């Protein structure tokens, strides 16, 4: 474990703490008490359209600036929230951003891709690669930049490293102040750093991660980052995980996710995305139904953002607009 004195200083990219708000109408719909269910609004982090990656990027960009970086390089899927927010952070800090994305160019630049362009990022399409192959492509791009005289900082997939996860240690501490009686925080489990930071701050028994299909072994991924953070081993089987919301795979819209998105929108006026927060809410609903989340206990849903990704997801847009004809009227 790195001591606090050895850590780089984070750069401010938002204003903290983010709000903690009640969700009484959703709680009632799920059979919970009106004060049982709350939402931590990490979708309201400002920079780049908001989202959880901003907390991680404060630490990662702080380290990059300390090393004299001129460029940020990172990876992701075409609709990556992390890539979009890295581009926004680079623009705010005066750093060039290069996004190495899985897939190929072509088609309409919607959702996060439109914002990547708006923030001035350079996109490098790596083809049909994932995991280690995508990471290798980013390393190759980073080496080329260095050979050309730039000083690139290669940021991890999803911003998820022990350093980036420190942003969610801070979030967990915010929650302890805002909700000292917290029983469970429910969070989307993507690249693992968000959940790992919360586990470090709150303990594994109070964090319920809903696997979204972004990594092949979510328990080991989170346990590794959490162990590196604390210097104390975390066993993968000590974590609270739901693996039942992935469906046919990462990015594929499911019925329970569509239902969860509709329910939150129509009870609380809050929008979820179809890949991460939609799955996390579907997992929360399932946890209430099977008794893992019970009435009379304070549950917090961590909203990690991702709204632009909704508009880049054809199936989700079609599902959201399916009732337009029946709800439309003319004068």
Protein backbone atom coordinates (compact mmCIF):
# COMPACT_ATOMS: atom_id res chain seq x y z
CA UNK A 1 0.00 0.00 0.00
CA UNK A 2 1.30 3.48 -0.90
CA UNK A 3 1.45 5.91 2.01
CA UNK A 4 -0.60 9.10 1.85
CA UNK A 5 2.56 11.21 1.65
CA UNK A 6 3.66 9.38 -1.50
CA UNK A 7 0.40 9.94 -3.39
CA UNK A 8 0.00 12.61 -6.06
CA UNK A 9 -2.36 15.47 -5.31
CA UNK A 10 -5.73 15.12 -7.02
CA UNK A 11 -6.81 17.94 -9.33
CA UNK A 12 -10.28 19.42 -8.74
CA UNK A 13 -12.71 18.48 -11.51
CA UNK A 14 -15.99 18.86 -9.59
CA UNK A 15 -17.54 20.07 -6.35
CA UNK A 16 -18.00 17.71 -3.43
CA UNK A 17 -19.96 16.25 -1.78
CA UNK A 18 -22.55 15.25 -4.34
CA UNK A 19 -26.18 15.32 -3.11
CA UNK A 20 -27.90 12.48 -1.30
CA UNK A 21 -31.62 12.58 -2.09
CA UNK A 22 -34.63 10.51 -0.94
CA UNK A 23 -36.63 8.36 -3.37
CA UNK A 24 -39.93 7.86 -1.51
CA UNK A 25 -42.11 7.11 -4.53
CA UNK A 26 -39.74 4.44 -5.82
CA UNK A 27 -39.46 3.03 -2.30
CA UNK A 28 -43.25 2.77 -2.09
CA UNK A 29 -43.42 1.06 -5.47
CA UNK A 30 -40.94 -1.55 -4.23
CA UNK A 31 -42.66 -2.12 -0.88
CA UNK A 32 -40.06 -0.25 1.18
CA UNK A 33 -40.64 2.51 3.72
CA UNK A 34 -40.60 6.13 2.48
CA UNK A 35 -37.30 6.85 4.23
CA UNK A 36 -35.60 3.56 3.28
CA UNK A 37 -34.32 4.36 -0.23
CA UNK A 38 -31.96 7.19 -1.23
CA UNK A 39 -29.86 8.11 -4.25
CA UNK A 40 -26.29 9.43 -4.25
CA UNK A 41 -26.10 11.77 -7.24
CA UNK A 42 -22.67 11.12 -8.74
CA UNK A 43 -24.32 11.77 -12.08
CA UNK A 44 -24.20 15.45 -11.09
CA UNK A 45 -20.42 15.87 -11.13
CA UNK A 46 -20.53 18.63 -13.72
CA UNK A 47 -17.52 18.20 -15.97
CA UNK A 48 -18.23 16.52 -19.29
CA UNK A 49 -21.83 15.59 -18.58
CA UNK A 50 -21.16 14.05 -15.18
CA UNK A 51 -20.56 10.55 -13.87
CA UNK A 52 -18.49 8.49 -11.49
CA UNK A 53 -15.29 8.55 -13.53
CA UNK A 54 -14.68 12.16 -12.51
CA UNK A 55 -13.74 11.08 -8.99
CA UNK A 56 -11.18 8.66 -10.41
CA UNK A 57 -9.88 11.15 -12.95
CA UNK A 58 -9.10 13.71 -10.27
CA UNK A 59 -6.45 11.31 -8.95
CA UNK A 60 -5.29 9.92 -12.29
CA UNK A 61 -4.95 13.36 -13.88
CA UNK A 62 -3.21 14.65 -10.78
CA UNK A 63 -0.58 11.96 -11.25
CA UNK A 64 -0.35 12.73 -14.98
CA UNK A 65 0.25 16.43 -14.36
CA UNK A 66 2.85 15.63 -11.70
CA UNK A 67 4.71 13.62 -14.35
CA UNK A 68 4.60 16.49 -16.85
CA UNK A 69 2.10 14.81 -19.18
CA UNK A 70 1.05 16.51 -22.41
CA UNK A 71 -1.43 13.80 -23.46
CA UNK A 72 -3.95 11.47 -21.84
CA UNK A 73 -4.48 8.07 -23.44
CA UNK A 74 -7.16 5.60 -22.43
CA UNK A 75 -9.35 2.80 -23.77
CA UNK A 76 -12.99 1.84 -23.94
CA UNK A 77 -15.97 0.73 -25.94
CA UNK A 78 -17.38 3.20 -28.48
CA UNK A 79 -19.92 4.49 -25.94
CA UNK A 80 -17.45 4.53 -23.05
CA UNK A 81 -18.37 6.99 -20.30
CA UNK A 82 -14.79 6.86 -19.04
CA UNK A 83 -13.45 7.82 -22.47
CA UNK A 84 -15.89 10.73 -22.71
CA UNK A 85 -14.98 12.06 -19.27
CA UNK A 86 -11.25 11.60 -19.92
CA UNK A 87 -11.67 13.79 -23.00
CA UNK A 88 -13.53 16.38 -20.93
CA UNK A 89 -10.88 16.33 -18.19
CA UNK A 90 -8.14 16.70 -20.79
CA UNK A 91 -9.89 19.73 -22.28
CA UNK A 92 -10.30 21.30 -18.85
CA UNK A 93 -6.65 20.72 -17.94
CA UNK A 94 -5.15 21.68 -21.30
CA UNK A 95 -4.03 18.16 -22.18
CA UNK A 96 -4.51 16.43 -25.54
CA UNK A 97 -6.62 13.28 -25.27
CA UNK A 98 -6.34 10.14 -27.39
CA UNK A 99 -9.09 7.54 -27.03
CA UNK A 100 -8.28 4.01 -28.20
CA UNK A 101 -11.67 2.45 -28.83
CA UNK A 102 -12.75 -1.07 -29.70
CA UNK A 103 -14.48 -1.29 -33.07
CA UNK A 104 -14.32 0.61 -36.35
CA UNK A 105 -15.34 4.07 -37.52
CA UNK A 106 -18.55 4.59 -39.42
CA UNK A 107 -22.18 5.25 -38.69
CA UNK A 108 -23.70 8.14 -36.80
CA UNK A 109 -21.60 9.64 -34.02
CA UNK A 110 -24.23 9.66 -31.28
CA UNK A 111 -24.19 9.68 -27.51
CA UNK A 112 -20.74 9.64 -25.97
CA UNK A 113 -19.01 9.65 -29.36
CA UNK A 114 -20.54 13.03 -30.20
CA UNK A 115 -19.20 14.42 -26.93
CA UNK A 116 -15.76 12.88 -27.50
CA UNK A 117 -15.58 14.95 -30.68
CA UNK A 118 -16.97 18.06 -28.97
CA UNK A 119 -14.18 17.86 -26.37
CA UNK A 120 -11.56 17.63 -29.14
CA UNK A 121 -10.36 14.09 -28.50
CA UNK A 122 -8.49 12.07 -31.11
CA UNK A 123 -10.09 8.67 -31.70
CA UNK A 124 -8.01 5.63 -32.64
CA UNK A 125 -10.11 2.64 -33.69
CA UNK A 126 -8.47 -0.64 -32.66
CA UNK A 127 -10.82 -3.03 -34.48
CA UNK A 128 -12.61 -6.02 -33.00
CA UNK A 129 -10.44 -6.36 -29.90
CA UNK A 130 -11.15 -6.43 -26.19
CA UNK A 131 -9.37 -6.90 -22.88
CA UNK A 132 -5.62 -7.38 -23.17
CA UNK A 133 -5.63 -6.84 -26.92
CA UNK A 134 -7.24 -3.41 -26.49
CA UNK A 135 -4.77 -2.57 -23.72
CA UNK A 136 -1.90 -3.57 -26.02
CA UNK A 137 -3.26 -1.26 -28.73
CA UNK A 138 -3.28 1.63 -26.24
CA UNK A 139 0.30 0.85 -25.23
CA UNK A 140 1.32 0.97 -28.90
CA UNK A 141 -0.37 4.36 -29.33
CA UNK A 142 1.32 5.61 -26.17
CA UNK A 143 4.74 4.45 -27.44
CA UNK A 144 4.21 6.26 -30.75
CA UNK A 145 3.32 9.49 -28.97
CA UNK A 146 6.42 9.20 -26.81
CA UNK A 147 8.58 8.61 -29.87
CA UNK A 148 7.16 11.79 -31.39
CA UNK A 149 8.28 13.81 -28.37
CA UNK A 150 5.01 13.89 -26.40
CA UNK A 151 4.68 12.93 -22.74
CA UNK A 152 1.64 10.62 -22.68
CA UNK A 153 -0.04 9.30 -19.54
CA UNK A 154 -1.79 5.96 -20.13
CA UNK A 155 -4.88 5.75 -17.92
CA UNK A 156 -6.33 2.34 -17.01
CA UNK A 157 -9.53 0.90 -18.46
CA UNK A 158 -12.44 2.56 -16.68
CA UNK A 159 -10.00 4.56 -14.56
CA UNK A 160 -9.91 1.52 -12.31
CA UNK A 161 -6.65 1.20 -10.44
CA UNK A 162 -5.85 1.57 -6.76
CA UNK A 163 -5.03 5.23 -7.43
CA UNK A 164 -8.24 5.95 -9.33
CA UNK A 165 -10.30 4.05 -6.75
CA UNK A 166 -9.24 6.54 -4.09
CA UNK A 167 -11.94 8.77 -5.51
CA UNK A 168 -14.48 6.24 -4.25
CA UNK A 169 -12.84 5.92 -0.88
CA UNK A 170 -13.68 9.63 -0.61
CA UNK A 171 -17.24 8.95 -1.81
CA UNK A 172 -17.68 6.27 0.84
CA UNK A 173 -16.55 8.70 3.51
CA UNK A 174 -19.03 11.27 2.21
CA UNK A 175 -21.78 8.68 2.59
CA UNK A 176 -20.79 7.97 6.19
CA UNK A 177 -21.33 11.65 6.97
CA UNK A 178 -24.53 11.99 4.93
CA UNK A 179 -26.08 8.68 6.04
CA UNK A 180 -24.44 7.34 9.21
CA UNK A 181 -27.13 4.64 9.43
CA UNK A 182 -26.32 3.33 5.94
CA UNK A 183 -27.02 -0.39 5.59
CA UNK A 184 -26.33 -0.99 1.88
CA UNK A 185 -25.06 1.02 -1.06
CA UNK A 186 -25.94 -0.49 -4.45
CA UNK A 187 -23.53 0.23 -7.31
CA UNK A 188 -22.96 -0.86 -10.88
CA UNK A 189 -19.87 -3.05 -11.15
CA UNK A 190 -18.08 -2.26 -14.41
CA UNK A 191 -14.29 -2.09 -14.38
CA UNK A 192 -14.28 -2.52 -10.58
CA UNK A 193 -12.67 0.61 -9.16
CA UNK A 194 -15.84 2.28 -7.93
CA UNK A 195 -16.94 -0.72 -5.92
CA UNK A 196 -13.39 -1.32 -4.63
CA UNK A 197 -13.13 2.22 -3.24
CA UNK A 198 -16.50 1.89 -1.53
CA UNK A 199 -15.49 -1.44 -0.03
CA UNK A 200 -12.34 0.17 1.36
CA UNK A 201 -14.35 2.97 3.01
CA UNK A 202 -17.47 1.08 4.09
CA UNK A 203 -16.48 -2.57 4.36
CA UNK A 204 -17.60 -5.35 2.02
CA UNK A 205 -20.78 -6.09 3.97
CA UNK A 206 -22.32 -2.69 3.11
CA UNK A 207 -21.58 -2.63 -0.63
CA UNK A 208 -23.70 -4.55 -3.12
CA UNK A 209 -22.17 -4.60 -6.61
CA UNK A 210 -24.28 -5.48 -9.65
CA UNK A 211 -22.12 -7.03 -12.37
CA UNK A 212 -22.61 -5.39 -15.78
CA UNK A 213 -20.49 -7.75 -17.89
CA UNK A 214 -17.54 -5.41 -18.49
CA UNK A 215 -14.91 -7.75 -16.98
CA UNK A 216 -14.78 -11.57 -17.02
CA UNK A 217 -14.12 -12.08 -13.29
CA UNK A 218 -15.71 -9.23 -11.32
CA UNK A 219 -15.09 -10.62 -7.84
CA UNK A 220 -11.36 -11.10 -8.39
CA UNK A 221 -11.07 -7.70 -10.11
CA UNK A 222 -12.68 -5.81 -7.21
CA UNK A 223 -10.86 -7.82 -4.54
CA UNK A 224 -7.50 -7.11 -6.19
CA UNK A 225 -8.04 -3.35 -6.34
CA UNK A 226 -9.48 -3.21 -2.80
CA UNK A 227 -6.53 -5.22 -1.46
CA UNK A 228 -4.03 -2.92 -3.15
CA UNK A 229 -5.84 0.10 -1.71
CA UNK A 230 -5.81 -1.08 1.89
CA UNK A 231 -2.76 -3.32 2.00
CA UNK A 232 -5.04 -5.92 3.56
CA UNK A 233 -6.16 -8.93 1.50
CA UNK A 234 -9.82 -9.00 0.46
CA UNK A 235 -11.11 -12.43 -0.50
CA UNK A 236 -13.32 -12.41 -3.60
CA UNK A 237 -15.94 -14.45 -1.74
CA UNK A 238 -16.22 -11.74 0.94
CA UNK A 239 -17.88 -9.38 -1.55
CA UNK A 240 -21.61 -8.92 -2.05
CA UNK A 241 -22.25 -9.37 -5.76
CA UNK A 242 -25.22 -9.92 -8.02
CA UNK A 243 -24.33 -11.70 -11.25
CA UNK A 244 -27.91 -12.10 -12.48
CA UNK A 245 -28.34 -8.89 -14.51
CA UNK A 246 -25.84 -9.35 -17.35
CA UNK A 247 -28.32 -11.12 -19.60
CA UNK A 248 -26.95 -11.89 -23.07
CA UNK A 249 -23.85 -9.80 -22.45
CA UNK A 250 -22.33 -6.39 -21.90
CA UNK A 251 -24.31 -3.66 -23.63
CA UNK A 252 -27.28 -5.88 -24.55
CA UNK A 253 -30.54 -4.41 -23.26
CA UNK A 254 -32.65 -6.74 -21.11
CA UNK A 255 -36.28 -6.70 -20.02
CA UNK A 256 -35.49 -6.12 -16.32
CA UNK A 257 -33.21 -3.19 -17.22
CA UNK A 258 -35.91 -1.62 -19.40
CA UNK A 259 -38.40 -2.05 -16.56
CA UNK A 260 -35.99 -0.54 -14.03
CA UNK A 261 -35.30 2.47 -16.25
CA UNK A 262 -39.02 3.06 -16.76
CA UNK A 263 -39.84 2.67 -13.07
CA UNK A 264 -37.26 5.18 -11.83
CA UNK A 265 -38.09 7.67 -14.56
CA UNK A 266 -41.82 7.48 -13.80
CA UNK A 267 -41.56 7.55 -10.01
CA UNK A 268 -38.67 9.97 -9.43
CA UNK A 269 -37.99 11.69 -12.78
CA UNK A 270 -34.42 10.35 -12.89
CA UNK A 271 -32.85 8.80 -15.99
CA UNK A 272 -30.63 5.71 -16.00
CA UNK A 273 -28.43 4.36 -18.77
CA UNK A 274 -28.99 0.88 -20.28
CA UNK A 275 -25.52 -0.57 -19.63
CA UNK A 276 -24.56 0.33 -16.05
CA UNK A 277 -27.07 2.17 -13.87
CA UNK A 278 -30.03 0.42 -15.47
CA UNK A 279 -28.50 -2.93 -14.54
CA UNK A 280 -27.67 -1.69 -11.04
CA UNK A 281 -31.27 -0.62 -10.47
CA UNK A 282 -32.54 -3.93 -11.85
CA UNK A 283 -30.22 -5.61 -9.34
CA UNK A 284 -31.56 -3.45 -6.50
CA UNK A 285 -35.14 -4.38 -7.43
CA UNK A 286 -34.21 -8.07 -7.52
CA UNK A 287 -32.47 -7.73 -4.14
CA UNK A 288 -35.65 -6.28 -2.60
CA UNK A 289 -37.70 -9.13 -4.04
CA UNK A 290 -35.41 -11.84 -2.67
CA UNK A 291 -34.98 -10.17 0.74
CA UNK A 292 -31.33 -9.10 0.48
CA UNK A 293 -32.53 -5.50 0.83
CA UNK A 294 -35.18 -5.23 3.54
CA UNK A 295 -37.65 -2.59 4.75
CA UNK A 296 -36.53 -0.47 7.69
CA UNK A 297 -32.89 -0.23 6.59
CA UNK A 298 -31.22 2.67 4.80
CA UNK A 299 -30.32 1.70 1.23
CA UNK A 300 -28.48 4.10 -1.10
CA UNK A 301 -28.39 3.70 -4.87
CA UNK A 302 -25.19 5.20 -6.30
CA UNK A 303 -26.07 6.91 -9.58
CA UNK A 304 -22.85 6.73 -11.59
CA UNK A 305 -24.12 8.76 -14.57
CA UNK A 306 -24.02 7.62 -18.18
CA UNK A 307 -26.91 9.65 -19.61
CA UNK A 308 -25.15 10.34 -22.95
CA UNK A 309 -24.78 6.60 -23.47
CA UNK A 310 -28.56 6.25 -23.55
CA UNK A 311 -28.66 8.28 -26.76
CA UNK A 312 -25.97 6.12 -28.34
CA UNK A 313 -27.84 2.86 -27.61
CA UNK A 314 -30.35 2.16 -30.38
CA UNK A 315 -32.31 -0.51 -28.53
CA UNK A 316 -32.68 1.65 -25.43
CA UNK A 317 -33.92 4.63 -27.44
CA UNK A 318 -36.41 2.41 -29.23
CA UNK A 319 -37.64 0.99 -25.93
CA UNK A 320 -37.97 4.47 -24.42
CA UNK A 321 -40.01 5.73 -27.37
CA UNK A 322 -42.12 2.63 -27.93
CA UNK A 323 -45.20 4.19 -26.37
CA UNK A 324 -45.00 7.54 -28.13
CA UNK A 325 -47.85 6.75 -30.49
CA UNK A 326 -50.22 5.75 -27.70
CA UNK A 327 -49.22 8.80 -25.62
CA UNK A 328 -49.38 11.36 -28.45
CA UNK A 329 -52.33 13.70 -29.00
CA UNK A 330 -53.10 16.39 -31.51
CA UNK A 331 -55.12 19.54 -30.90
